[in-house]
Amino acid sequence: LAETGYHPRGLPELREAVADHYTGLGLPTSPDQIV
């Protein structure tokens, strides 16, 4: 609730989780590759 509410790329923690997920599948990924 204290956030501005605007994250067009996505919430950083979700982008990090998705990047780790793909890295675990054999596809090295960084959060800046996730939208």
PDB file of all heavy atoms in Angstrom:
ATOM      1  N   LEU A   1       0.817  -1.219   0.000  1.00  0.00           N
ATOM      2  CA  LEU A   1       0.000   0.000   0.000  1.00  0.00           C
ATOM      3  C   LEU A   1       0.846   1.262   0.000  1.00  0.00           C
ATOM      4  O   LEU A   1       0.400   2.322  -0.450  1.00  0.00           O
ATOM      5  CB  LEU A   1      -0.936   0.006   1.212  1.00  0.00           C
ATOM      6  CG  LEU A   1      -2.107  -0.992   1.153  1.00  0.00           C
ATOM      7  CD1 LEU A   1      -2.857  -1.015   2.483  1.00  0.00           C
ATOM      8  CD2 LEU A   1      -3.052  -0.656   0.011  1.00  0.00           C
ATOM      9  N   ALA A   2       2.070   1.155   0.490  1.00  0.00           N
ATOM     10  CA  ALA A   2       2.974   2.310   0.506  1.00  0.00           C
ATOM     11  C   ALA A   2       3.674   2.525  -0.835  1.00  0.00           C
ATOM     12  O   ALA A   2       4.354   3.542  -1.026  1.00  0.00           O
ATOM     13  CB  ALA A   2       4.013   2.130   1.617  1.00  0.00           C
ATOM     14  N   GLU A   3       3.506   1.561  -1.747  1.00  0.00           N
ATOM     15  CA  GLU A   3       4.118   1.666  -3.077  1.00  0.00           C
ATOM     16  C   GLU A   3       3.404   2.725  -3.919  1.00  0.00           C
ATOM     17  O   GLU A   3       2.245   3.047  -3.679  1.00  0.00           O
ATOM     18  CB  GLU A   3       4.003   0.312  -3.790  1.00  0.00           C
ATOM     19  CG  GLU A   3       5.011  -0.713  -3.342  1.00  0.00           C
ATOM     20  CD  GLU A   3       6.231  -0.708  -4.256  1.00  0.00           C
ATOM     21  OE1 GLU A   3       6.336   0.197  -5.107  1.00  0.00           O
ATOM     22  OE2 GLU A   3       7.064  -1.610  -4.085  1.00  0.00           O
ATOM     23  N   THR A   4       4.085   3.187  -4.957  1.00  0.00           N
ATOM     24  CA  THR A   4       3.433   4.101  -5.908  1.00  0.00           C
ATOM     25  C   THR A   4       2.358   3.376  -6.708  1.00  0.00           C
ATOM     26  O   THR A   4       1.404   3.989  -7.173  1.00  0.00           O
ATOM     27  CB  THR A   4       4.464   4.674  -6.896  1.00  0.00           C
ATOM     28  OG1 THR A   4       5.021   3.595  -7.664  1.00  0.00           O
ATOM     29  CG2 THR A   4       5.572   5.415  -6.154  1.00  0.00           C
ATOM     30  N   GLY A   5       2.534   2.068  -6.872  1.00  0.00           N
ATOM     31  CA  GLY A   5       1.552   1.271  -7.601  1.00  0.00           C
ATOM     32  C   GLY A   5       1.883   1.052  -9.052  1.00  0.00           C
ATOM     33  O   GLY A   5       1.210   0.283  -9.733  1.00  0.00           O
ATOM     34  N   TYR A   6       2.923   1.698  -9.561  1.00  0.00           N
ATOM     35  CA  TYR A   6       3.233   1.611 -10.991  1.00  0.00           C
ATOM     36  C   TYR A   6       4.528   0.836 -11.211  1.00  0.00           C
ATOM     37  O   TYR A   6       5.613   1.312 -10.874  1.00  0.00           O
ATOM     38  CB  TYR A   6       3.350   3.010 -11.601  1.00  0.00           C
ATOM     39  CG  TYR A   6       2.106   3.845 -11.404  1.00  0.00           C
ATOM     40  CD1 TYR A   6       2.180   5.090 -10.786  1.00  0.00           C
ATOM     41  CD2 TYR A   6       0.868   3.388 -11.827  1.00  0.00           C
ATOM     42  CE1 TYR A   6       1.041   5.866 -10.604  1.00  0.00           C
ATOM     43  CE2 TYR A   6      -0.274   4.147 -11.643  1.00  0.00           C
ATOM     44  CZ  TYR A   6      -0.181   5.387 -11.032  1.00  0.00           C
ATOM     45  OH  TYR A   6      -1.316   6.135 -10.854  1.00  0.00           O
ATOM     46  N   HIS A   7       4.399  -0.337 -11.814  1.00  0.00           N
ATOM     47  CA  HIS A   7       5.562  -1.157 -12.182  1.00  0.00           C
ATOM     48  C   HIS A   7       5.292  -1.760 -13.551  1.00  0.00           C
ATOM     49  O   HIS A   7       4.905  -2.930 -13.668  1.00  0.00           O
ATOM     50  CB  HIS A   7       5.796  -2.268 -11.157  1.00  0.00           C
ATOM     51  CG  HIS A   7       6.358  -1.816  -9.858  1.00  0.00           C
ATOM     52  ND1 HIS A   7       7.705  -1.549  -9.668  1.00  0.00           N
ATOM     53  CD2 HIS A   7       5.761  -1.559  -8.678  1.00  0.00           C
ATOM     54  CE1 HIS A   7       7.913  -1.176  -8.416  1.00  0.00           C
ATOM     55  NE2 HIS A   7       6.741  -1.163  -7.795  1.00  0.00           N
ATOM     56  N   PRO A   8       5.479  -0.976 -14.626  1.00  0.00           N
ATOM     57  CA  PRO A   8       5.184  -1.509 -15.959  1.00  0.00           C
ATOM     58  C   PRO A   8       5.970  -2.771 -16.305  1.00  0.00           C
ATOM     59  O   PRO A   8       5.456  -3.646 -17.012  1.00  0.00           O
ATOM     60  CB  PRO A   8       5.548  -0.352 -16.895  1.00  0.00           C
ATOM     61  CG  PRO A   8       5.417   0.867 -16.042  1.00  0.00           C
ATOM     62  CD  PRO A   8       5.838   0.456 -14.674  1.00  0.00           C
ATOM     63  N   ARG A   9       7.188  -2.862 -15.834  1.00  0.00           N
ATOM     64  CA  ARG A   9       7.968  -4.079 -16.090  1.00  0.00           C
ATOM     65  C   ARG A   9       7.474  -5.238 -15.231  1.00  0.00           C
ATOM     66  O   ARG A   9       7.628  -6.392 -15.595  1.00  0.00           O
ATOM     67  CB  ARG A   9       9.448  -3.844 -15.778  1.00  0.00           C
ATOM     68  CG  ARG A   9      10.202  -3.011 -16.795  1.00  0.00           C
ATOM     69  CD  ARG A   9      11.643  -2.880 -16.344  1.00  0.00           C
ATOM     70  NE  ARG A   9      12.471  -2.195 -17.333  1.00  0.00           N
ATOM     71  CZ  ARG A   9      13.118  -2.808 -18.321  1.00  0.00           C
ATOM     72  NH1 ARG A   9      13.007  -4.121 -18.461  1.00  0.00           N
ATOM     73  NH2 ARG A   9      13.854  -2.129 -19.177  1.00  0.00           N
ATOM     74  N   GLY A  10       6.914  -4.907 -14.075  1.00  0.00           N
ATOM     75  CA  GLY A  10       6.472  -5.925 -13.140  1.00  0.00           C
ATOM     76  C   GLY A  10       7.122  -5.733 -11.786  1.00  0.00           C
ATOM     77  O   GLY A  10       8.187  -5.117 -11.664  1.00  0.00           O
ATOM     78  N   LEU A  11       6.489  -6.244 -10.756  1.00  0.00           N
ATOM     79  CA  LEU A  11       7.023  -6.166  -9.402  1.00  0.00           C
ATOM     80  C   LEU A  11       8.400  -6.836  -9.372  1.00  0.00           C
ATOM     81  O   LEU A  11       8.548  -7.978  -9.826  1.00  0.00           O
ATOM     82  CB  LEU A  11       6.066  -6.877  -8.449  1.00  0.00           C
ATOM     83  CG  LEU A  11       6.230  -6.616  -6.948  1.00  0.00           C
ATOM     84  CD1 LEU A  11       5.921  -5.156  -6.614  1.00  0.00           C
ATOM     85  CD2 LEU A  11       5.319  -7.545  -6.156  1.00  0.00           C
ATOM     86  N   PRO A  12       9.428  -6.157  -8.857  1.00  0.00           N
ATOM     87  CA  PRO A  12      10.788  -6.721  -8.906  1.00  0.00           C
ATOM     88  C   PRO A  12      10.891  -8.129  -8.345  1.00  0.00           C
ATOM     89  O   PRO A  12      11.576  -8.988  -8.921  1.00  0.00           O
ATOM     90  CB  PRO A  12      11.605  -5.722  -8.091  1.00  0.00           C
ATOM     91  CG  PRO A  12      10.894  -4.419  -8.281  1.00  0.00           C
ATOM     92  CD  PRO A  12       9.434  -4.772  -8.333  1.00  0.00           C
ATOM     93  N   GLU A  13      10.204  -8.424  -7.250  1.00  0.00           N
ATOM     94  CA  GLU A  13      10.333  -9.755  -6.656  1.00  0.00           C
ATOM     95  C   GLU A  13       9.748 -10.836  -7.559  1.00  0.00           C
ATOM     96  O   GLU A  13      10.242 -11.979  -7.580  1.00  0.00           O
ATOM     97  CB  GLU A  13       9.675  -9.803  -5.282  1.00  0.00           C
ATOM     98  CG  GLU A  13       8.163  -9.613  -5.286  1.00  0.00           C
ATOM     99  CD  GLU A  13       7.596  -9.485  -3.885  1.00  0.00           C
ATOM    100  OE1 GLU A  13       7.628  -8.367  -3.336  1.00  0.00           O
ATOM    101  OE2 GLU A  13       7.126 -10.501  -3.359  1.00  0.00           O
ATOM    102  N   LEU A  14       8.695 -10.504  -8.326  1.00  0.00           N
ATOM    103  CA  LEU A  14       8.142 -11.481  -9.260  1.00  0.00           C
ATOM    104  C   LEU A  14       9.073 -11.686 -10.440  1.00  0.00           C
ATOM    105  O   LEU A  14       9.303 -12.828 -10.881  1.00  0.00           O
ATOM    106  CB  LEU A  14       6.757 -11.041  -9.741  1.00  0.00           C
ATOM    107  CG  LEU A  14       6.092 -11.931 -10.803  1.00  0.00           C
ATOM    108  CD1 LEU A  14       6.015 -13.388 -10.346  1.00  0.00           C
ATOM    109  CD2 LEU A  14       4.703 -11.406 -11.157  1.00  0.00           C
ATOM    110  N   ARG A  15       9.642 -10.625 -10.945  1.00  0.00           N
ATOM    111  CA  ARG A  15      10.584 -10.760 -12.061  1.00  0.00           C
ATOM    112  C   ARG A  15      11.795 -11.585 -11.647  1.00  0.00           C
ATOM    113  O   ARG A  15      12.299 -12.407 -12.430  1.00  0.00           O
ATOM    114  CB  ARG A  15      10.998  -9.382 -12.558  1.00  0.00           C
ATOM    115  CG  ARG A  15       9.840  -8.640 -13.255  1.00  0.00           C
ATOM    116  CD  ARG A  15      10.121  -7.164 -13.451  1.00  0.00           C
ATOM    117  NE  ARG A  15      11.357  -6.928 -14.163  1.00  0.00           N
ATOM    118  CZ  ARG A  15      12.197  -5.936 -13.889  1.00  0.00           C
ATOM    119  NH1 ARG A  15      11.922  -5.083 -12.909  1.00  0.00           N
ATOM    120  NH2 ARG A  15      13.285  -5.785 -14.594  1.00  0.00           N
ATOM    121  N   GLU A  16      12.257 -11.398 -10.421  1.00  0.00           N
ATOM    122  CA  GLU A  16      13.381 -12.192  -9.926  1.00  0.00           C
ATOM    123  C   GLU A  16      12.991 -13.670  -9.802  1.00  0.00           C
ATOM    124  O   GLU A  16      13.764 -14.560 -10.167  1.00  0.00           O
ATOM    125  CB  GLU A  16      13.840 -11.662  -8.574  1.00  0.00           C
ATOM    126  CG  GLU A  16      14.518 -10.298  -8.644  1.00  0.00           C
ATOM    127  CD  GLU A  16      14.735  -9.693  -7.265  1.00  0.00           C
ATOM    128  OE1 GLU A  16      14.497 -10.395  -6.256  1.00  0.00           O
ATOM    129  OE2 GLU A  16      15.156  -8.521  -7.201  1.00  0.00           O
ATOM    130  N   ALA A  17      11.773 -13.923  -9.289  1.00  0.00           N
ATOM    131  CA  ALA A  17      11.320 -15.304  -9.139  1.00  0.00           C
ATOM    132  C   ALA A  17      11.197 -15.999 -10.495  1.00  0.00           C
ATOM    133  O   ALA A  17      11.603 -17.159 -10.657  1.00  0.00           O
ATOM    134  CB  ALA A  17       9.981 -15.333  -8.406  1.00  0.00           C
ATOM    135  N   VAL A  18      10.651 -15.287 -11.487  1.00  0.00           N
ATOM    136  CA  VAL A  18      10.496 -15.870 -12.826  1.00  0.00           C
ATOM    137  C   VAL A  18      11.858 -16.098 -13.470  1.00  0.00           C
ATOM    138  O   VAL A  18      12.102 -17.140 -14.105  1.00  0.00           O
ATOM    139  CB  VAL A  18       9.610 -14.967 -13.703  1.00  0.00           C
ATOM    140  CG1 VAL A  18       9.595 -15.474 -15.146  1.00  0.00           C
ATOM    141  CG2 VAL A  18       8.189 -14.898 -13.154  1.00  0.00           C
ATOM    142  N   ALA A  19      12.778 -15.141 -13.295  1.00  0.00           N
ATOM    143  CA  ALA A  19      14.127 -15.302 -13.848  1.00  0.00           C
ATOM    144  C   ALA A  19      14.812 -16.524 -13.243  1.00  0.00           C
ATOM    145  O   ALA A  19      15.440 -17.324 -13.956  1.00  0.00           O
ATOM    146  CB  ALA A  19      14.947 -14.042 -13.586  1.00  0.00           C
ATOM    147  N   ASP A  20      14.679 -16.715 -11.940  1.00  0.00           N
ATOM    148  CA  ASP A  20      15.261 -17.891 -11.284  1.00  0.00           C
ATOM    149  C   ASP A  20      14.600 -19.178 -11.789  1.00  0.00           C
ATOM    150  O   ASP A  20      15.263 -20.212 -11.945  1.00  0.00           O
ATOM    151  CB  ASP A  20      15.100 -17.785  -9.770  1.00  0.00           C
ATOM    152  CG  ASP A  20      15.968 -16.687  -9.162  1.00  0.00           C
ATOM    153  OD1 ASP A  20      16.887 -16.205  -9.849  1.00  0.00           O
ATOM    154  OD2 ASP A  20      15.704 -16.315  -7.999  1.00  0.00           O
ATOM    155  N   HIS A  21      13.291 -19.105 -12.013  1.00  0.00           N
ATOM    156  CA  HIS A  21      12.552 -20.266 -12.522  1.00  0.00           C
ATOM    157  C   HIS A  21      13.105 -20.709 -13.868  1.00  0.00           C
ATOM    158  O   HIS A  21      13.390 -21.894 -14.079  1.00  0.00           O
ATOM    159  CB  HIS A  21      11.066 -19.909 -12.630  1.00  0.00           C
ATOM    160  CG  HIS A  21      10.238 -20.910 -13.352  1.00  0.00           C
ATOM    161  ND1 HIS A  21       9.971 -22.172 -12.860  1.00  0.00           N
ATOM    162  CD2 HIS A  21       9.596 -20.836 -14.558  1.00  0.00           C
ATOM    163  CE1 HIS A  21       9.213 -22.839 -13.722  1.00  0.00           C
ATOM    164  NE2 HIS A  21       8.964 -22.047 -14.748  1.00  0.00           N
ATOM    165  N   TYR A  22      13.298 -19.766 -14.798  1.00  0.00           N
ATOM    166  CA  TYR A  22      13.831 -20.125 -16.111  1.00  0.00           C
ATOM    167  C   TYR A  22      15.278 -20.591 -16.027  1.00  0.00           C
ATOM    168  O   TYR A  22      15.688 -21.519 -16.736  1.00  0.00           O
ATOM    169  CB  TYR A  22      13.702 -18.943 -17.079  1.00  0.00           C
ATOM    170  CG  TYR A  22      12.312 -18.791 -17.642  1.00  0.00           C
ATOM    171  CD1 TYR A  22      11.619 -17.587 -17.554  1.00  0.00           C
ATOM    172  CD2 TYR A  22      11.680 -19.860 -18.274  1.00  0.00           C
ATOM    173  CE1 TYR A  22      10.338 -17.452 -18.068  1.00  0.00           C
ATOM    174  CE2 TYR A  22      10.406 -19.737 -18.787  1.00  0.00           C
ATOM    175  CZ  TYR A  22       9.736 -18.531 -18.680  1.00  0.00           C
ATOM    176  OH  TYR A  22       8.470 -18.412 -19.184  1.00  0.00           O
ATOM    177  N   THR A  23      16.051 -19.961 -15.172  1.00  0.00           N
ATOM    178  CA  THR A  23      17.436 -20.394 -14.993  1.00  0.00           C
ATOM    179  C   THR A  23      17.479 -21.846 -14.521  1.00  0.00           C
ATOM    180  O   THR A  23      18.294 -22.645 -15.001  1.00  0.00           O
ATOM    181  CB  THR A  23      18.155 -19.484 -13.987  1.00  0.00           C
ATOM    182  OG1 THR A  23      18.153 -18.129 -14.488  1.00  0.00           O
ATOM    183  CG2 THR A  23      19.598 -19.929 -13.770  1.00  0.00           C
ATOM    184  N   GLY A  24      16.553 -22.202 -13.621  1.00  0.00           N
ATOM    185  CA  GLY A  24      16.470 -23.574 -13.149  1.00  0.00           C
ATOM    186  C   GLY A  24      16.057 -24.563 -14.225  1.00  0.00           C
ATOM    187  O   GLY A  24      16.354 -25.761 -14.127  1.00  0.00           O
ATOM    188  N   LEU A  25      15.378 -24.090 -15.273  1.00  0.00           N
ATOM    189  CA  LEU A  25      14.977 -24.949 -16.392  1.00  0.00           C
ATOM    190  C   LEU A  25      16.076 -25.106 -17.435  1.00  0.00           C
ATOM    191  O   LEU A  25      15.878 -25.790 -18.447  1.00  0.00           O
ATOM    192  CB  LEU A  25      13.726 -24.377 -17.072  1.00  0.00           C
ATOM    193  CG  LEU A  25      12.444 -24.329 -16.251  1.00  0.00           C
ATOM    194  CD1 LEU A  25      11.319 -23.693 -17.064  1.00  0.00           C
ATOM    195  CD2 LEU A  25      12.035 -25.722 -15.789  1.00  0.00           C
ATOM    196  N   GLY A  26      17.229 -24.471 -17.206  1.00  0.00           N
ATOM    197  CA  GLY A  26      18.319 -24.547 -18.174  1.00  0.00           C
ATOM    198  C   GLY A  26      18.367 -23.378 -19.123  1.00  0.00           C
ATOM    199  O   GLY A  26      19.053 -23.436 -20.155  1.00  0.00           O
ATOM    200  N   LEU A  27      17.652 -22.298 -18.787  1.00  0.00           N
ATOM    201  CA  LEU A  27      17.636 -21.093 -19.612  1.00  0.00           C
ATOM    202  C   LEU A  27      18.090 -19.917 -18.748  1.00  0.00           C
ATOM    203  O   LEU A  27      17.265 -19.264 -18.089  1.00  0.00           O
ATOM    204  CB  LEU A  27      16.234 -20.842 -20.165  1.00  0.00           C
ATOM    205  CG  LEU A  27      15.987 -19.558 -20.956  1.00  0.00           C
ATOM    206  CD1 LEU A  27      16.915 -19.478 -22.159  1.00  0.00           C
ATOM    207  CD2 LEU A  27      14.529 -19.472 -21.394  1.00  0.00           C
ATOM    208  N   PRO A  28      19.395 -19.630 -18.670  1.00  0.00           N
ATOM    209  CA  PRO A  28      19.873 -18.537 -17.818  1.00  0.00           C
ATOM    210  C   PRO A  28      19.159 -17.224 -18.145  1.00  0.00           C
ATOM    211  O   PRO A  28      19.089 -16.810 -19.305  1.00  0.00           O
ATOM    212  CB  PRO A  28      21.362 -18.455 -18.157  1.00  0.00           C
ATOM    213  CG  PRO A  28      21.713 -19.836 -18.636  1.00  0.00           C
ATOM    214  CD  PRO A  28      20.489 -20.313 -19.365  1.00  0.00           C
ATOM    215  N   THR A  29      18.610 -16.585 -17.112  1.00  0.00           N
ATOM    216  CA  THR A  29      17.756 -15.413 -17.296  1.00  0.00           C
ATOM    217  C   THR A  29      18.015 -14.404 -16.188  1.00  0.00           C
ATOM    218  O   THR A  29      18.218 -14.787 -15.034  1.00  0.00           O
ATOM    219  CB  THR A  29      16.269 -15.816 -17.278  1.00  0.00           C
ATOM    220  OG1 THR A  29      16.027 -16.800 -18.298  1.00  0.00           O
ATOM    221  CG2 THR A  29      15.362 -14.624 -17.510  1.00  0.00           C
ATOM    222  N   SER A  30      17.989 -13.130 -16.535  1.00  0.00           N
ATOM    223  CA  SER A  30      18.110 -12.054 -15.555  1.00  0.00           C
ATOM    224  C   SER A  30      16.778 -11.310 -15.475  1.00  0.00           C
ATOM    225  O   SER A  30      15.985 -11.328 -16.424  1.00  0.00           O
ATOM    226  CB  SER A  30      19.232 -11.089 -15.947  1.00  0.00           C
ATOM    227  OG  SER A  30      18.977 -10.529 -17.237  1.00  0.00           O
ATOM    228  N   PRO A  31      16.487 -10.636 -14.363  1.00  0.00           N
ATOM    229  CA  PRO A  31      15.195  -9.945 -14.210  1.00  0.00           C
ATOM    230  C   PRO A  31      14.914  -8.912 -15.290  1.00  0.00           C
ATOM    231  O   PRO A  31      13.740  -8.656 -15.602  1.00  0.00           O
ATOM    232  CB  PRO A  31      15.313  -9.299 -12.824  1.00  0.00           C
ATOM    233  CG  PRO A  31      16.256 -10.183 -12.080  1.00  0.00           C
ATOM    234  CD  PRO A  31      17.259 -10.616 -13.103  1.00  0.00           C
ATOM    235  N   ASP A  32      15.966  -8.307 -15.891  1.00  0.00           N
ATOM    236  CA  ASP A  32      15.710  -7.296 -16.917  1.00  0.00           C
ATOM    237  C   ASP A  32      15.211  -7.903 -18.223  1.00  0.00           C
ATOM    238  O   ASP A  32      14.828  -7.177 -19.148  1.00  0.00           O
ATOM    239  CB  ASP A  32      16.949  -6.434 -17.163  1.00  0.00           C
ATOM    240  CG  ASP A  32      18.105  -7.203 -17.775  1.00  0.00           C
ATOM    241  OD1 ASP A  32      18.100  -8.456 -17.710  1.00  0.00           O
ATOM    242  OD2 ASP A  32      19.023  -6.558 -18.304  1.00  0.00           O
ATOM    243  N   GLN A  33      15.156  -9.238 -18.305  1.00  0.00           N
ATOM    244  CA  GLN A  33      14.595  -9.914 -19.475  1.00  0.00           C
ATOM    245  C   GLN A  33      13.126 -10.279 -19.282  1.00  0.00           C
ATOM    246  O   GLN A  33      12.508 -10.843 -20.187  1.00  0.00           O
ATOM    247  CB  GLN A  33      15.388 -11.193 -19.773  1.00  0.00           C
ATOM    248  CG  GLN A  33      16.818 -10.957 -20.219  1.00  0.00           C
ATOM    249  CD  GLN A  33      17.541 -12.273 -20.456  1.00  0.00           C
ATOM    250  OE1 GLN A  33      18.109 -12.868 -19.546  1.00  0.00           O
ATOM    251  NE2 GLN A  33      17.484 -12.741 -21.694  1.00  0.00           N
ATOM    252  N   ILE A  34      12.558  -9.955 -18.118  1.00  0.00           N
ATOM    253  CA  ILE A  34      11.197 -10.351 -17.783  1.00  0.00           C
ATOM    254  C   ILE A  34      10.268  -9.136 -17.791  1.00  0.00           C
ATOM    255  O   ILE A  34      10.609  -8.087 -17.245  1.00  0.00           O
ATOM    256  CB  ILE A  34      11.136 -11.016 -16.391  1.00  0.00           C
ATOM    257  CG1 ILE A  34      12.074 -12.219 -16.324  1.00  0.00           C
ATOM    258  CG2 ILE A  34       9.709 -11.412 -16.037  1.00  0.00           C
ATOM    259  CD1 ILE A  34      11.741 -13.338 -17.288  1.00  0.00           C
ATOM    260  N   VAL A  35       9.100  -9.293 -18.406  1.00  0.00           N
ATOM    261  CA  VAL A  35       8.027  -8.303 -18.326  1.00  0.00           C
ATOM    262  C   VAL A  35       6.777  -9.036 -17.837  1.00  0.00           C
ATOM    263  O   VAL A  35       6.395 -10.058 -18.404  1.00  0.00           O
ATOM    264  CB  VAL A  35       7.735  -7.636 -19.682  1.00  0.00           C
ATOM    265  CG1 VAL A  35       6.591  -6.624 -19.539  1.00  0.00           C
ATOM    266  CG2 VAL A  35       8.977  -6.957 -20.227  1.00  0.00           C
TER     267      VAL A  35
END
